[in-house]
Every structure is written in structure tokens, then in C-alpha cells.
Amino acid sequence: MLPVRRTTEDLQVPSTGITLLEGPGSFGKDVRNIVQHWTTMVLSQGDCVHWIDGGHRFDPSQFFSPIQSLNCNPEEVLRRLYIGRGFTLHQLHQLILRVRHEVALTKAPLIVIDGLLAMFLDQQIKQFEARSILRHCLAALQELSRQCSVVLLDGKTVSPLHQQLKCTMRPYLNKHFRAFWDDKKHALLRLTGENEHYLLDFNRHQTEKGQRRLDTFTTIDPNVSRCFGEDLPPTIQKVQAQPILPESQDGGSD
């Protein structure tokens, strides 16, 4: 998973407002690494994080090695990570409404809604009802975002309804980042916003990780750890030039 190193100050956790991270994977799967990094950093500083899972894919084990690399106790740190999982759109709706009251108690600086729109594409939900519930959720999150950061994850549009829902989201967003793979090997992930552009190099990450494993196998130093679970971060480079997002990756206007 993405960074635990403290050398990525360019890619900061937003302090307030609603930020949408839109990735090439299913409902933002390929940009979850960024939010997992932000979550790890916030938790390691003694704060709480609320993570609402709308895509049924949350895996707490992905936080173990990054937390350990910061010399923190995973069990102690993960107690401050509050997970909510809705199995229907209406359950997800209630979780989002309830988190406002929970944050009043925990003072959490970061709220993550993973795969927000996945539940809204349920064919059993009428389109008008889906848009109405989404507006209600976003209005609640917008009020909450005045005191903390709210990060939403989504992917490229997969249907006309998905595109309509993104249009509904737009007025509520303070920041919107789109990510797409910059090469065929899926080693370079380009993240672009209105005034901020980043390039995440996963190729160097894999090379460094392989070299560390080789060094561990071949070393004769008994003090070298034999644990291979620690994950190194991709290199993050801030890009100055304005990148052009290919239309095929954008999925059309949202």
C-alpha cells in the first residue's frame, strides 16, 4: 500500500472540505492506496478516522505493516479506526447520517467513504430515489466537512446513471482528482487535479521491495528482520506540467 514515509509532504491530507479521488479501478480501487496512506498517518498521530465501506472491500490487515514501520502498535492504533459497512443503499445512507454525531465525540479529522456510488447503482433502486438520497448524503457530508476532511472514492463511469450521479456530486466537491495509468504496465499512476498534479511510480516501489527481500535472504547479519510484510511506498513526484487526461480514461463528462 502507499506511503508511510514522511517524505511525501506534497501530497497532504486535505484539512477540510470534500475531496473526490477518481481512479481507473472499480469505484476508485487503484487510488485507495493514497487514502490508506492518509489514514495511516492520521492514526499514527493519535487521531481517529471514520471509514465507511460502500464497496465491501475493506481489509484492516493492509494497515499492519505500514503502522509497524512507523514504530506504532497496530492493535492500539487500529482501535481509533472506526469502520462502518452498509450492505444496502439505505444502510449506507444511515451510516453517513450517523457519522456526523460520531465525529462530535471522536473529533476525527478524516472521514473516508470508499466506493460511495457503488450502492447507488443497484437496479432495484429507482433513479430518482438514488439521486435524492445522494443529495441528502452529500449535504450532510458538506456540513461535516467544515470541521474535518471528507474523502470520497469512485472510479470511471460505467453507466449513464453513474454519470448522472457524478453530475449530482459536482457542486458539493471542494477538490476533484482524477487518476489514470500512464503506461501499459500499470507502474506509473498519474493523479491530476485543477492545480495539482502527481506521478506515482510503482515500478521503483516493486524494484526496491524485491531488492530488500534479496538482501534479507543473502545477509549473514542475525539482526536483520526476516519479515517480508513491510510494504514500501511508490515514489511520488509532483508534476509541474499540465497533463492531458485521455478521454477514454475519463469516461465522458461527469
C-alpha atoms as a PDB file:
ATOM      1  CA  MET A   1       0.000   0.000   0.000  1.00  0.00           C
ATOM      2  CA  LEU A   2       1.075   3.597  -0.429  1.00  0.00           C
ATOM      3  CA  PRO A   3       3.409   5.666   1.695  1.00  0.00           C
ATOM      4  CA  VAL A   4       4.254   5.604   5.282  1.00  0.00           C
ATOM      5  CA  ARG A   5       7.423   7.562   4.702  1.00  0.00           C
ATOM      6  CA  ARG A   6       7.287  11.158   5.808  1.00  0.00           C
ATOM      7  CA  THR A   7       8.878  12.416   2.584  1.00  0.00           C
ATOM      8  CA  THR A   8       5.626  12.937   0.671  1.00  0.00           C
ATOM      9  CA  GLU A   9       4.653  16.348   2.074  1.00  0.00           C
ATOM     10  CA  ASP A  10       3.442  17.423  -1.385  1.00  0.00           C
ATOM     11  CA  LEU A  11       0.516  15.006  -1.149  1.00  0.00           C
ATOM     12  CA  GLN A  12      -1.098  16.231   2.054  1.00  0.00           C
ATOM     13  CA  VAL A  13      -4.314  15.156   3.732  1.00  0.00           C
ATOM     14  CA  PRO A  14      -6.864  17.912   2.999  1.00  0.00           C
ATOM     15  CA  SER A  15      -7.701  19.781   6.208  1.00  0.00           C
ATOM     16  CA  THR A  16     -11.374  20.418   5.394  1.00  0.00           C
ATOM     17  CA  GLY A  17     -13.817  20.138   2.514  1.00  0.00           C
ATOM     18  CA  ILE A  18     -14.922  17.225   0.342  1.00  0.00           C
ATOM     19  CA  THR A  19     -12.294  15.647  -1.916  1.00  0.00           C
ATOM     20  CA  LEU A  20     -13.178  13.163  -4.658  1.00  0.00           C
ATOM     21  CA  LEU A  21     -10.475  10.724  -5.778  1.00  0.00           C
ATOM     22  CA  GLU A  22     -11.498   9.145  -9.063  1.00  0.00           C
ATOM     23  CA  GLY A  23      -9.379   6.191 -10.143  1.00  0.00           C
ATOM     24  CA  PRO A  24      -9.223   3.803 -13.080  1.00  0.00           C
ATOM     25  CA  GLY A  25     -10.081   0.760 -10.957  1.00  0.00           C
ATOM     26  CA  SER A  26     -13.505  -0.386  -9.835  1.00  0.00           C
ATOM     27  CA  PHE A  27     -15.020   2.515  -7.870  1.00  0.00           C
ATOM     28  CA  GLY A  28     -11.614   4.013  -7.152  1.00  0.00           C
ATOM     29  CA  LYS A  29      -9.807   0.805  -6.204  1.00  0.00           C
ATOM     30  CA  ASP A  30      -6.489   1.972  -7.676  1.00  0.00           C
ATOM     31  CA  VAL A  31      -6.412   5.186  -5.617  1.00  0.00           C
ATOM     32  CA  ARG A  32      -7.290   3.559  -2.302  1.00  0.00           C
ATOM     33  CA  ASN A  33      -3.553   3.372  -1.582  1.00  0.00           C
ATOM     34  CA  ILE A  34      -3.466   7.145  -1.268  1.00  0.00           C
ATOM     35  CA  VAL A  35      -6.302   7.219   1.249  1.00  0.00           C
ATOM     36  CA  GLN A  36      -4.851   4.274   3.163  1.00  0.00           C
ATOM     37  CA  HIS A  37      -1.633   6.262   3.480  1.00  0.00           C
ATOM     38  CA  TRP A  38      -3.507   9.325   4.729  1.00  0.00           C
ATOM     39  CA  THR A  39      -5.416   7.150   7.193  1.00  0.00           C
ATOM     40  CA  THR A  40      -2.221   5.546   8.498  1.00  0.00           C
ATOM     41  CA  MET A  41      -0.579   8.923   9.058  1.00  0.00           C
ATOM     42  CA  VAL A  42      -3.616  10.348  10.874  1.00  0.00           C
ATOM     43  CA  LEU A  43      -3.950   7.277  13.112  1.00  0.00           C
ATOM     44  CA  SER A  44      -0.217   7.278  13.936  1.00  0.00           C
ATOM     45  CA  GLN A  45      -0.563  10.850  15.212  1.00  0.00           C
ATOM     46  CA  GLY A  46      -3.134   9.762  17.799  1.00  0.00           C
ATOM     47  CA  ASP A  47      -6.274  10.887  15.955  1.00  0.00           C
ATOM     48  CA  CYS A  48      -9.331   8.893  14.907  1.00  0.00           C
ATOM     49  CA  VAL A  49     -10.557   8.081  11.396  1.00  0.00           C
ATOM     50  CA  HIS A  50     -14.031   7.023  10.307  1.00  0.00           C
ATOM     51  CA  TRP A  51     -14.056   4.736   7.259  1.00  0.00           C
ATOM     52  CA  ILE A  52     -17.414   3.898   5.646  1.00  0.00           C
ATOM     53  CA  ASP A  53     -17.106   0.971   3.259  1.00  0.00           C
ATOM     54  CA  GLY A  54     -19.542   1.224   0.344  1.00  0.00           C
ATOM     55  CA  GLY A  55     -17.678  -1.247  -1.859  1.00  0.00           C
ATOM     56  CA  HIS A  56     -17.410  -4.258   0.513  1.00  0.00           C
ATOM     57  CA  ARG A  57     -13.619  -4.401   0.222  1.00  0.00           C
ATOM     58  CA  PHE A  58     -12.122  -3.036   3.432  1.00  0.00           C
ATOM     59  CA  ASP A  59      -9.181  -5.122   4.670  1.00  0.00           C
ATOM     60  CA  PRO A  60      -7.658  -3.992   8.001  1.00  0.00           C
ATOM     61  CA  SER A  61      -4.618  -6.251   7.506  1.00  0.00           C
ATOM     62  CA  GLN A  62      -3.315  -3.817   4.872  1.00  0.00           C
ATOM     63  CA  PHE A  63      -2.606  -1.335   7.665  1.00  0.00           C
ATOM     64  CA  PHE A  64      -0.470  -3.655   9.848  1.00  0.00           C
ATOM     65  CA  SER A  65       2.916  -3.315   8.154  1.00  0.00           C
ATOM     66  CA  PRO A  66       2.680   0.453   7.471  1.00  0.00           C
ATOM     67  CA  ILE A  67       1.748   1.095  11.097  1.00  0.00           C
ATOM     68  CA  GLN A  68       4.613  -1.075  12.325  1.00  0.00           C
ATOM     69  CA  SER A  69       7.030   0.791  10.047  1.00  0.00           C
ATOM     70  CA  LEU A  70       6.137   3.950  11.993  1.00  0.00           C
ATOM     71  CA  ASN A  71       7.079   2.176  15.246  1.00  0.00           C
ATOM     72  CA  CYS A  72       3.451   2.082  16.372  1.00  0.00           C
ATOM     73  CA  ASN A  73       1.465  -0.757  17.888  1.00  0.00           C
ATOM     74  CA  PRO A  74      -1.090  -1.875  15.225  1.00  0.00           C
ATOM     75  CA  GLU A  75      -3.594  -3.128  17.794  1.00  0.00           C
ATOM     76  CA  GLU A  76      -3.525   0.144  19.692  1.00  0.00           C
ATOM     77  CA  VAL A  77      -3.609   2.333  16.583  1.00  0.00           C
ATOM     78  CA  LEU A  78      -6.422   0.426  14.863  1.00  0.00           C
ATOM     79  CA  ARG A  79      -8.680   0.969  17.867  1.00  0.00           C
ATOM     80  CA  ARG A  80      -9.003   4.534  16.587  1.00  0.00           C
ATOM     81  CA  LEU A  81     -10.170   3.368  13.151  1.00  0.00           C
ATOM     82  CA  TYR A  82     -13.978   3.181  13.138  1.00  0.00           C
ATOM     83  CA  ILE A  83     -15.399   1.016  10.340  1.00  0.00           C
ATOM     84  CA  GLY A  84     -18.948   1.198   9.010  1.00  0.00           C
ATOM     85  CA  ARG A  85     -20.224  -1.146   6.320  1.00  0.00           C
ATOM     86  CA  GLY A  86     -23.586  -0.825   4.632  1.00  0.00           C
ATOM     87  CA  PHE A  87     -24.942  -3.788   2.693  1.00  0.00           C
ATOM     88  CA  THR A  88     -27.773  -1.790   1.093  1.00  0.00           C
ATOM     89  CA  LEU A  89     -28.117   1.788  -0.098  1.00  0.00           C
ATOM     90  CA  HIS A  90     -30.383   2.654   2.817  1.00  0.00           C
ATOM     91  CA  GLN A  91     -27.896   1.252   5.340  1.00  0.00           C
ATOM     92  CA  LEU A  92     -25.137   3.294   3.706  1.00  0.00           C
ATOM     93  CA  HIS A  93     -27.368   6.358   3.891  1.00  0.00           C
ATOM     94  CA  GLN A  94     -27.903   5.875   7.631  1.00  0.00           C
ATOM     95  CA  LEU A  95     -24.180   5.347   8.248  1.00  0.00           C
ATOM     96  CA  ILE A  96     -23.379   8.661   6.569  1.00  0.00           C
ATOM     97  CA  LEU A  97     -26.032  10.483   8.575  1.00  0.00           C
ATOM     98  CA  ARG A  98     -24.863   8.874  11.814  1.00  0.00           C
ATOM     99  CA  VAL A  99     -21.177   9.683  11.326  1.00  0.00           C
ATOM    100  CA  ARG A 100     -21.920  13.366  11.979  1.00  0.00           C
ATOM    101  CA  HIS A 101     -22.830  12.545  15.566  1.00  0.00           C
ATOM    102  CA  GLU A 102     -19.903  10.139  15.955  1.00  0.00           C
ATOM    103  CA  VAL A 103     -17.375  12.748  14.855  1.00  0.00           C
ATOM    104  CA  ALA A 104     -18.711  15.099  17.533  1.00  0.00           C
ATOM    105  CA  LEU A 105     -17.415  12.545  20.069  1.00  0.00           C
ATOM    106  CA  THR A 106     -14.214  11.320  18.390  1.00  0.00           C
ATOM    107  CA  LYS A 107     -13.078  14.677  16.896  1.00  0.00           C
ATOM    108  CA  ALA A 108     -11.787  12.702  13.902  1.00  0.00           C
ATOM    109  CA  PRO A 109     -10.005  14.878  11.298  1.00  0.00           C
ATOM    110  CA  LEU A 110     -10.622  12.433   8.432  1.00  0.00           C
ATOM    111  CA  ILE A 111     -13.726  10.686   7.082  1.00  0.00           C
ATOM    112  CA  VAL A 112     -13.404   8.205   4.194  1.00  0.00           C
ATOM    113  CA  ILE A 113     -16.324   6.991   2.079  1.00  0.00           C
ATOM    114  CA  ASP A 114     -14.934   4.125   0.000  1.00  0.00           C
ATOM    115  CA  GLY A 115     -16.889   3.271  -3.157  1.00  0.00           C
ATOM    116  CA  LEU A 116     -19.632   5.796  -2.415  1.00  0.00           C
ATOM    117  CA  LEU A 117     -21.607   5.322  -5.633  1.00  0.00           C
ATOM    118  CA  ALA A 118     -21.448   1.516  -5.776  1.00  0.00           C
ATOM    119  CA  MET A 119     -24.684   1.108  -3.814  1.00  0.00           C
ATOM    120  CA  PHE A 120     -26.479   3.801  -5.810  1.00  0.00           C
ATOM    121  CA  LEU A 121     -26.255   1.741  -8.997  1.00  0.00           C
ATOM    122  CA  ASP A 122     -28.460  -1.025  -7.616  1.00  0.00           C
ATOM    123  CA  GLN A 123     -31.050  -1.749 -10.309  1.00  0.00           C
ATOM    124  CA  GLN A 124     -33.703  -2.228  -7.626  1.00  0.00           C
ATOM    125  CA  ILE A 125     -33.358   1.444  -6.658  1.00  0.00           C
ATOM    126  CA  LYS A 126     -35.238   3.966  -8.784  1.00  0.00           C
ATOM    127  CA  GLN A 127     -33.039   6.622 -10.361  1.00  0.00           C
ATOM    128  CA  PHE A 128     -34.946   9.491  -8.783  1.00  0.00           C
ATOM    129  CA  GLU A 129     -34.642   7.872  -5.351  1.00  0.00           C
ATOM    130  CA  ALA A 130     -30.918   7.289  -5.846  1.00  0.00           C
ATOM    131  CA  ARG A 131     -30.267  10.928  -6.768  1.00  0.00           C
ATOM    132  CA  SER A 132     -32.400  12.156  -3.883  1.00  0.00           C
ATOM    133  CA  ILE A 133     -30.574  10.015  -1.310  1.00  0.00           C
ATOM    134  CA  LEU A 134     -27.208  11.040  -2.774  1.00  0.00           C
ATOM    135  CA  ARG A 135     -28.047  14.742  -2.382  1.00  0.00           C
ATOM    136  CA  HIS A 136     -29.086  14.116   1.216  1.00  0.00           C
ATOM    137  CA  CYS A 137     -25.821  12.277   1.924  1.00  0.00           C
ATOM    138  CA  LEU A 138     -23.699  14.969   0.285  1.00  0.00           C
ATOM    139  CA  ALA A 139     -25.471  17.766   2.139  1.00  0.00           C
ATOM    140  CA  ALA A 140     -24.734  16.004   5.441  1.00  0.00           C
ATOM    141  CA  LEU A 141     -21.095  15.442   4.442  1.00  0.00           C
ATOM    142  CA  GLN A 142     -20.738  19.048   3.291  1.00  0.00           C
ATOM    143  CA  GLU A 143     -21.826  20.285   6.701  1.00  0.00           C
ATOM    144  CA  LEU A 144     -19.423  17.854   8.351  1.00  0.00           C
ATOM    145  CA  SER A 145     -16.539  18.879   6.053  1.00  0.00           C
ATOM    146  CA  ARG A 146     -16.429  22.335   7.620  1.00  0.00           C
ATOM    147  CA  GLN A 147     -14.649  20.807  10.611  1.00  0.00           C
ATOM    148  CA  CYS A 148     -12.793  17.841   9.075  1.00  0.00           C
ATOM    149  CA  SER A 149     -11.736  16.348   5.765  1.00  0.00           C
ATOM    150  CA  VAL A 150     -14.131  14.097   3.841  1.00  0.00           C
ATOM    151  CA  VAL A 151     -12.606  11.919   1.107  1.00  0.00           C
ATOM    152  CA  LEU A 152     -14.792  10.081  -1.424  1.00  0.00           C
ATOM    153  CA  LEU A 153     -13.557   7.282  -3.688  1.00  0.00           C
ATOM    154  CA  ASP A 154     -15.027   6.464  -7.072  1.00  0.00           C
ATOM    155  CA  GLY A 155     -13.989   5.127 -10.481  1.00  0.00           C
ATOM    156  CA  LYS A 156     -14.689   5.993 -14.089  1.00  0.00           C
ATOM    157  CA  THR A 157     -18.308   5.988 -15.193  1.00  0.00           C
ATOM    158  CA  VAL A 158     -19.780   2.596 -16.023  1.00  0.00           C
ATOM    159  CA  SER A 159     -23.332   3.604 -16.990  1.00  0.00           C
ATOM    160  CA  PRO A 160     -25.498   6.659 -17.799  1.00  0.00           C
ATOM    161  CA  LEU A 161     -26.831   6.566 -14.215  1.00  0.00           C
ATOM    162  CA  HIS A 162     -23.294   6.594 -12.852  1.00  0.00           C
ATOM    163  CA  GLN A 163     -22.565   9.674 -14.952  1.00  0.00           C
ATOM    164  CA  GLN A 164     -25.729  11.390 -13.714  1.00  0.00           C
ATOM    165  CA  LEU A 165     -24.785  10.699 -10.111  1.00  0.00           C
ATOM    166  CA  LYS A 166     -21.355  12.259 -10.659  1.00  0.00           C
ATOM    167  CA  CYS A 167     -23.034  15.369 -12.024  1.00  0.00           C
ATOM    168  CA  THR A 168     -25.086  15.458  -8.827  1.00  0.00           C
ATOM    169  CA  MET A 169     -21.888  15.286  -6.762  1.00  0.00           C
ATOM    170  CA  ARG A 170     -20.038  18.088  -8.537  1.00  0.00           C
ATOM    171  CA  PRO A 171     -21.490  21.140  -6.693  1.00  0.00           C
ATOM    172  CA  TYR A 172     -20.541  19.632  -3.320  1.00  0.00           C
ATOM    173  CA  LEU A 173     -16.860  18.981  -4.133  1.00  0.00           C
ATOM    174  CA  ASN A 174     -14.008  21.196  -2.985  1.00  0.00           C
ATOM    175  CA  LYS A 175     -11.313  19.134  -4.740  1.00  0.00           C
ATOM    176  CA  HIS A 176     -11.515  16.572  -7.518  1.00  0.00           C
ATOM    177  CA  PHE A 177      -8.534  14.404  -8.504  1.00  0.00           C
ATOM    178  CA  ARG A 178      -8.601  12.010 -11.446  1.00  0.00           C
ATOM    179  CA  ALA A 179      -6.083   9.190 -11.719  1.00  0.00           C
ATOM    180  CA  PHE A 180      -5.134   7.061 -14.706  1.00  0.00           C
ATOM    181  CA  TRP A 181      -2.331   4.675 -15.541  1.00  0.00           C
ATOM    182  CA  ASP A 182       0.372   6.467 -17.502  1.00  0.00           C
ATOM    183  CA  ASP A 183       1.826   3.273 -19.010  1.00  0.00           C
ATOM    184  CA  LYS A 184       0.669  -0.157 -20.131  1.00  0.00           C
ATOM    185  CA  LYS A 185       2.447  -1.968 -17.292  1.00  0.00           C
ATOM    186  CA  HIS A 186       0.440  -0.127 -14.629  1.00  0.00           C
ATOM    187  CA  ALA A 187       3.612   1.147 -12.983  1.00  0.00           C
ATOM    188  CA  LEU A 188       3.001   4.904 -13.288  1.00  0.00           C
ATOM    189  CA  LEU A 189      -0.236   6.324 -11.880  1.00  0.00           C
ATOM    190  CA  ARG A 190      -0.905   9.941 -12.824  1.00  0.00           C
ATOM    191  CA  LEU A 191      -3.072  11.932 -10.397  1.00  0.00           C
ATOM    192  CA  THR A 192      -4.397  15.238 -11.698  1.00  0.00           C
ATOM    193  CA  GLY A 193      -6.496  17.963 -10.119  1.00  0.00           C
ATOM    194  CA  GLU A 194      -7.315  21.543 -11.015  1.00  0.00           C
ATOM    195  CA  ASN A 195      -3.953  22.944  -9.870  1.00  0.00           C
ATOM    196  CA  GLU A 196      -2.108  19.880  -8.538  1.00  0.00           C
ATOM    197  CA  HIS A 197      -0.559  17.019 -10.484  1.00  0.00           C
ATOM    198  CA  TYR A 198       1.335  13.985  -9.188  1.00  0.00           C
ATOM    199  CA  LEU A 199       3.019  10.937 -10.664  1.00  0.00           C
ATOM    200  CA  LEU A 200       3.160   7.774  -8.535  1.00  0.00           C
ATOM    201  CA  ASP A 201       5.918   5.378  -9.554  1.00  0.00           C
ATOM    202  CA  PHE A 202       5.018   1.808  -8.568  1.00  0.00           C
ATOM    203  CA  ASN A 203       7.823   0.311 -10.662  1.00  0.00           C
ATOM    204  CA  ARG A 204      10.552   1.667  -8.395  1.00  0.00           C
ATOM    205  CA  HIS A 205       8.482   0.543  -5.425  1.00  0.00           C
ATOM    206  CA  GLN A 206       8.484  -3.062  -6.677  1.00  0.00           C
ATOM    207  CA  THR A 207      12.207  -2.930  -7.502  1.00  0.00           C
ATOM    208  CA  GLU A 208      13.139  -1.673  -4.034  1.00  0.00           C
ATOM    209  CA  LYS A 209      10.888  -4.240  -2.391  1.00  0.00           C
ATOM    210  CA  GLY A 210      12.484  -7.068  -4.392  1.00  0.00           C
ATOM    211  CA  GLN A 211      15.965  -5.842  -3.553  1.00  0.00           C
ATOM    212  CA  ARG A 212      15.144  -5.763   0.154  1.00  0.00           C
ATOM    213  CA  ARG A 213      13.894  -9.344   0.014  1.00  0.00           C
ATOM    214  CA  LEU A 214      17.061 -10.434  -1.774  1.00  0.00           C
ATOM    215  CA  ASP A 215      19.240  -8.632   0.785  1.00  0.00           C
ATOM    216  CA  THR A 216      17.329 -10.312   3.606  1.00  0.00           C
ATOM    217  CA  PHE A 217      17.817 -13.786   2.138  1.00  0.00           C
ATOM    218  CA  THR A 218      21.519 -13.320   1.489  1.00  0.00           C
ATOM    219  CA  THR A 219      22.599 -11.411   4.593  1.00  0.00           C
ATOM    220  CA  ILE A 220      24.603 -13.082   7.375  1.00  0.00           C
ATOM    221  CA  ASP A 221      23.636 -10.402   9.903  1.00  0.00           C
ATOM    222  CA  PRO A 222      21.453 -12.109  12.573  1.00  0.00           C
ATOM    223  CA  ASN A 223      19.892  -8.752  13.480  1.00  0.00           C
ATOM    224  CA  VAL A 224      18.220  -8.304  10.079  1.00  0.00           C
ATOM    225  CA  SER A 225      14.469  -8.881  10.244  1.00  0.00           C
ATOM    226  CA  ARG A 226      13.069 -11.830   8.290  1.00  0.00           C
ATOM    227  CA  CYS A 227       9.655 -10.222   7.989  1.00  0.00           C
ATOM    228  CA  PHE A 228       8.622  -9.540   4.397  1.00  0.00           C
ATOM    229  CA  GLY A 229       5.276  -7.927   5.142  1.00  0.00           C
ATOM    230  CA  GLU A 230       6.515  -4.335   5.263  1.00  0.00           C
ATOM    231  CA  ASP A 231       5.458  -2.510   2.144  1.00  0.00           C
ATOM    232  CA  LEU A 232       7.497   0.306   0.649  1.00  0.00           C
ATOM    233  CA  PRO A 233       5.737   3.329  -0.828  1.00  0.00           C
ATOM    234  CA  PRO A 234       5.751   4.223  -4.501  1.00  0.00           C
ATOM    235  CA  THR A 235       7.796   7.288  -5.340  1.00  0.00           C
ATOM    236  CA  ILE A 236       5.575  10.353  -5.560  1.00  0.00           C
ATOM    237  CA  GLN A 237       6.694  13.112  -7.882  1.00  0.00           C
ATOM    238  CA  LYS A 238       4.866  16.400  -8.163  1.00  0.00           C
ATOM    239  CA  VAL A 239       4.349  17.194 -11.840  1.00  0.00           C
ATOM    240  CA  GLN A 240       4.526  20.830 -12.939  1.00  0.00           C
ATOM    241  CA  ALA A 241       3.276  20.470 -16.497  1.00  0.00           C
ATOM    242  CA  GLN A 242      -0.460  20.294 -17.090  1.00  0.00           C
ATOM    243  CA  PRO A 243      -1.207  16.675 -18.051  1.00  0.00           C
ATOM    244  CA  ILE A 244      -3.921  15.894 -20.560  1.00  0.00           C
ATOM    245  CA  LEU A 245      -6.405  13.296 -19.375  1.00  0.00           C
ATOM    246  CA  PRO A 246      -7.264  10.858 -22.178  1.00  0.00           C
ATOM    247  CA  GLU A 247     -10.949  10.897 -22.954  1.00  0.00           C
ATOM    248  CA  SER A 248     -11.065   7.091 -22.879  1.00  0.00           C
ATOM    249  CA  GLN A 249      -9.936   7.123 -19.224  1.00  0.00           C
ATOM    250  CA  ASP A 250     -12.287   9.898 -18.203  1.00  0.00           C
ATOM    251  CA  GLY A 251     -15.418   8.037 -19.119  1.00  0.00           C
ATOM    252  CA  GLY A 252     -17.037  11.164 -20.510  1.00  0.00           C
ATOM    253  CA  SER A 253     -18.072  14.355 -18.810  1.00  0.00           C
ATOM    254  CA  ASP A 254     -19.344  13.897 -15.277  1.00  0.00           C
END
